Amino acid sequence: MKRKELRAEISGLSKEELIEKDRSISEELMKLRFRAKTGRLEQGHLFKELRKQRARAKTALGAMK
């Protein structure tokens, strides 16, 4: 997903939706870590992308408080 699209999506979410998005991204990261440890990870670039998405969601959530 492009940066502008992600920002637009995140800015339109409510507080509860941002919390859920953060939780789902965290779960995806955990699954990627398991796949990396078992040697079945082919797309290593997803780590960086998901960490950035999670940071953007947390930043937007922090701005709402």
C-alpha atoms as a PDB file:
ATOM      1  CA  MET A   1       0.000   0.000   0.000  1.00  0.00           C
ATOM      2  CA  LYS A   2       1.316   3.431  -0.864  1.00  0.00           C
ATOM      3  CA  ARG A   3       2.139   5.909   1.876  1.00  0.00           C
ATOM      4  CA  LYS A   4      -0.533   8.438   0.886  1.00  0.00           C
ATOM      5  CA  GLU A   5      -3.196   5.738   0.717  1.00  0.00           C
ATOM      6  CA  LEU A   6      -2.211   4.436   4.140  1.00  0.00           C
ATOM      7  CA  ARG A   7      -2.229   7.916   5.659  1.00  0.00           C
ATOM      8  CA  ALA A   8      -5.671   8.605   4.205  1.00  0.00           C
ATOM      9  CA  GLU A   9      -6.951   5.281   5.520  1.00  0.00           C
ATOM     10  CA  ILE A  10      -5.509   5.828   8.989  1.00  0.00           C
ATOM     11  CA  SER A  11      -6.772   9.389   9.281  1.00  0.00           C
ATOM     12  CA  GLY A  12     -10.316   8.209   8.584  1.00  0.00           C
ATOM     13  CA  LEU A  13     -10.338   5.588  11.344  1.00  0.00           C
ATOM     14  CA  SER A  14     -11.845   5.941  14.783  1.00  0.00           C
ATOM     15  CA  LYS A  15      -9.917   5.254  17.976  1.00  0.00           C
ATOM     16  CA  GLU A  16     -11.283   1.708  18.291  1.00  0.00           C
ATOM     17  CA  GLU A  17     -10.498   0.959  14.656  1.00  0.00           C
ATOM     18  CA  LEU A  18      -6.928   2.212  15.108  1.00  0.00           C
ATOM     19  CA  ILE A  19      -6.491  -0.044  18.126  1.00  0.00           C
ATOM     20  CA  GLU A  20      -7.770  -3.004  16.093  1.00  0.00           C
ATOM     21  CA  LYS A  21      -5.485  -2.119  13.157  1.00  0.00           C
ATOM     22  CA  ASP A  22      -2.495  -1.966  15.515  1.00  0.00           C
ATOM     23  CA  ARG A  23      -3.437  -5.344  16.959  1.00  0.00           C
ATOM     24  CA  SER A  24      -3.788  -6.946  13.524  1.00  0.00           C
ATOM     25  CA  ILE A  25      -0.446  -5.541  12.356  1.00  0.00           C
ATOM     26  CA  SER A  26       1.189  -6.884  15.527  1.00  0.00           C
ATOM     27  CA  GLU A  27      -0.264 -10.329  14.822  1.00  0.00           C
ATOM     28  CA  GLU A  28       1.040 -10.207  11.249  1.00  0.00           C
ATOM     29  CA  LEU A  29       4.506  -9.289  12.523  1.00  0.00           C
ATOM     30  CA  MET A  30       4.424 -12.208  14.945  1.00  0.00           C
ATOM     31  CA  LYS A  31       3.485 -14.594  12.127  1.00  0.00           C
ATOM     32  CA  LEU A  32       6.311 -13.222   9.995  1.00  0.00           C
ATOM     33  CA  ARG A  33       8.788 -13.771  12.836  1.00  0.00           C
ATOM     34  CA  PHE A  34       7.679 -17.397  13.156  1.00  0.00           C
ATOM     35  CA  ARG A  35       8.033 -17.925   9.418  1.00  0.00           C
ATOM     36  CA  ALA A  36      11.491 -16.338   9.487  1.00  0.00           C
ATOM     37  CA  LYS A  37      12.629 -18.594  12.336  1.00  0.00           C
ATOM     38  CA  THR A  38      11.390 -21.713  10.547  1.00  0.00           C
ATOM     39  CA  GLY A  39      13.042 -20.658   7.300  1.00  0.00           C
ATOM     40  CA  ARG A  40       9.847 -20.277   5.309  1.00  0.00           C
ATOM     41  CA  LEU A  41       9.965 -16.499   4.851  1.00  0.00           C
ATOM     42  CA  GLU A  42      10.416 -15.345   1.276  1.00  0.00           C
ATOM     43  CA  GLN A  43       9.470 -11.673   1.609  1.00  0.00           C
ATOM     44  CA  GLY A  44      11.812 -10.203   4.189  1.00  0.00           C
ATOM     45  CA  HIS A  45      10.932  -6.644   3.201  1.00  0.00           C
ATOM     46  CA  LEU A  46       7.530  -7.031   4.856  1.00  0.00           C
ATOM     47  CA  PHE A  47       9.086  -6.602   8.317  1.00  0.00           C
ATOM     48  CA  LYS A  48      10.101  -3.024   7.599  1.00  0.00           C
ATOM     49  CA  GLU A  49       6.817  -2.191   5.893  1.00  0.00           C
ATOM     50  CA  LEU A  50       4.674  -3.575   8.724  1.00  0.00           C
ATOM     51  CA  ARG A  51       6.750  -1.851  11.407  1.00  0.00           C
ATOM     52  CA  LYS A  52       6.239   1.462   9.622  1.00  0.00           C
ATOM     53  CA  GLN A  53       2.496   0.860   9.293  1.00  0.00           C
ATOM     54  CA  ARG A  54       2.280   0.039  12.974  1.00  0.00           C
ATOM     55  CA  ALA A  55       4.211   3.190  13.886  1.00  0.00           C
ATOM     56  CA  ARG A  56       1.877   5.318  11.772  1.00  0.00           C
ATOM     57  CA  ALA A  57      -1.162   3.784  13.439  1.00  0.00           C
ATOM     58  CA  LYS A  58       0.314   4.336  16.908  1.00  0.00           C
ATOM     59  CA  THR A  59       1.204   7.938  16.041  1.00  0.00           C
ATOM     60  CA  ALA A  60      -2.342   8.637  14.859  1.00  0.00           C
ATOM     61  CA  LEU A  61      -3.693   6.991  17.982  1.00  0.00           C
ATOM     62  CA  GLY A  62      -1.432   9.115  20.172  1.00  0.00           C
ATOM     63  CA  ALA A  63      -2.583  12.273  18.414  1.00  0.00           C
ATOM     64  CA  MET A  64      -6.202  11.449  19.291  1.00  0.00           C
ATOM     65  CA  LYS A  65      -5.602  11.408  23.033  1.00  0.00           C
END
